Amino acid sequence: MTTKITGYGTPATVVTGSSRSGGVERVAGEGPAPAPAAAGGDAVTLTNSARTLQKLGEAIAAAPVVDGARVDSIKSQIAQNTYKVDSLKVAAKLLQADQELPAH
C-alpha cells in the first residue's frame, strides 16, 4: 500500500507499507515551494490542511470525556428494560441541533 502525502513540507512525502513501521520516501521536486525566511528570523507558514487539522485537534481537546460509569449504568438499564427516554429532552436537543445547522 502506498499513500502520497502532499502539502505538509517542502518535499512531498510518500508513505509505503501497511503499518506504521512502513518506510517513508521523500520525493524531490513535488509539494509546495518553501517559504522565504523572514529577515532576522525564521518563518512558518501553515497550509489550509494544517489549519483544519489544528482546529479539529482543538475541537477534540474541548470535547467532553466519556463517563464510563454513566455508560455502564445506561447499558444496565437498557438490559433490564428500565431505561426511560425523556421525549421532551430529546425533542429540545433535536430542535437545538437543527437551529445550529447552517441555513441553505
Protein backbone atom coordinates (compact mmCIF):
# COMPACT_ATOMS: atom_id res chain seq x y z
CA MET A 1 0.00 0.00 0.00
CA THR A 2 1.35 3.43 -0.92
CA THR A 3 -0.08 6.72 0.29
CA LYS A 4 1.23 10.00 -1.06
CA ILE A 5 1.09 12.89 1.42
CA THR A 6 1.47 16.36 -0.07
CA GLY A 7 1.21 19.87 1.27
CA TYR A 8 2.98 19.26 4.58
CA GLY A 9 6.50 20.41 3.89
CA THR A 10 8.82 21.32 1.08
CA PRO A 11 9.29 17.84 -0.40
CA ALA A 12 6.25 15.62 -0.76
CA THR A 13 6.28 12.50 1.38
CA VAL A 14 5.36 9.03 0.19
CA VAL A 15 4.49 6.51 2.88
CA THR A 16 4.79 2.85 1.93
CA GLY A 17 3.79 -0.24 3.83
CA SER A 18 0.58 -1.31 5.53
CA SER A 19 1.56 -0.38 9.07
CA ARG A 20 3.31 2.37 10.97
CA SER A 21 6.59 0.57 10.52
CA GLY A 22 6.44 1.19 6.75
CA GLY A 23 9.20 3.23 5.14
CA VAL A 24 9.00 6.91 4.23
CA GLU A 25 10.43 8.16 0.96
CA ARG A 26 10.89 11.82 0.11
CA VAL A 27 10.03 12.79 -3.45
CA ALA A 28 12.09 15.74 -4.68
CA GLY A 29 10.51 18.44 -6.80
CA GLU A 30 6.96 17.91 -5.60
CA GLY A 31 4.92 19.72 -2.98
CA PRO A 32 4.63 23.41 -2.13
CA ALA A 33 7.52 25.79 -2.62
CA PRO A 34 9.50 26.63 0.51
CA ALA A 35 8.55 29.85 2.27
CA PRO A 36 11.24 32.51 2.23
CA ALA A 37 12.83 33.13 5.62
CA ALA A 38 11.85 36.37 7.31
CA ALA A 39 14.57 38.96 7.75
CA GLY A 40 16.33 38.23 11.01
CA GLY A 41 14.38 35.08 11.84
CA ASP A 42 12.54 32.00 10.73
CA ALA A 43 9.06 31.92 9.22
CA VAL A 44 6.37 29.28 9.48
CA THR A 45 3.51 29.02 7.04
CA LEU A 46 0.64 26.62 7.67
CA THR A 47 -1.28 25.10 4.80
CA ASN A 48 -5.07 25.08 4.82
CA SER A 49 -4.97 21.38 5.66
CA ALA A 50 -2.69 22.04 8.63
CA ARG A 51 -5.03 24.77 9.89
CA THR A 52 -8.00 22.43 9.54
CA LEU A 53 -6.16 19.70 11.45
CA GLN A 54 -5.25 22.22 14.14
CA LYS A 55 -8.92 23.25 14.52
CA LEU A 56 -10.00 19.60 14.66
CA GLY A 57 -7.41 18.91 17.34
CA GLU A 58 -8.69 21.84 19.40
CA ALA A 59 -12.30 20.65 18.99
CA ILE A 60 -11.36 17.13 20.11
CA ALA A 61 -9.48 18.51 23.10
CA ALA A 62 -12.54 20.56 24.07
CA ALA A 63 -14.92 17.59 23.70
CA PRO A 64 -16.16 16.07 26.94
CA VAL A 65 -14.61 12.85 28.14
CA VAL A 66 -16.89 9.80 28.15
CA ASP A 67 -18.23 8.99 31.62
CA GLY A 68 -17.72 5.23 31.80
CA ALA A 69 -19.85 4.84 34.94
CA ARG A 70 -22.78 6.59 33.27
CA VAL A 71 -22.42 4.46 30.13
CA ASP A 72 -22.39 1.28 32.24
CA SER A 73 -25.45 2.48 34.17
CA ILE A 74 -27.40 3.17 30.97
CA LYS A 75 -26.34 -0.17 29.46
CA SER A 76 -27.59 -1.91 32.60
CA GLN A 77 -30.91 -0.06 32.48
CA ILE A 78 -31.37 -0.95 28.81
CA ALA A 79 -30.58 -4.62 29.52
CA GLN A 80 -33.11 -4.65 32.36
CA ASN A 81 -35.69 -2.80 30.23
CA THR A 82 -35.91 0.02 32.80
CA TYR A 83 -34.32 2.83 30.80
CA LYS A 84 -36.72 5.76 30.38
CA VAL A 85 -36.39 8.16 27.45
CA ASP A 86 -37.25 11.79 28.20
CA SER A 87 -39.01 12.66 24.93
CA LEU A 88 -39.18 16.39 25.73
CA LYS A 89 -35.43 16.49 26.30
CA VAL A 90 -34.80 14.60 23.04
CA ALA A 91 -37.10 16.97 21.13
CA ALA A 92 -35.39 20.03 22.62
CA LYS A 93 -31.95 18.72 21.64
CA LEU A 94 -33.16 17.95 18.10
CA LEU A 95 -34.52 21.50 17.72
CA GLN A 96 -31.27 22.94 19.10
CA ALA A 97 -29.20 20.87 16.66
CA ASP A 98 -31.45 21.96 13.77
CA GLN A 99 -31.03 25.62 14.69
CA GLU A 100 -27.25 25.24 14.82
CA LEU A 101 -27.11 23.91 11.25
CA PRO A 102 -26.13 26.47 8.60
CA ALA A 103 -29.02 27.83 6.53
CA HIS A 104 -29.07 26.75 2.88
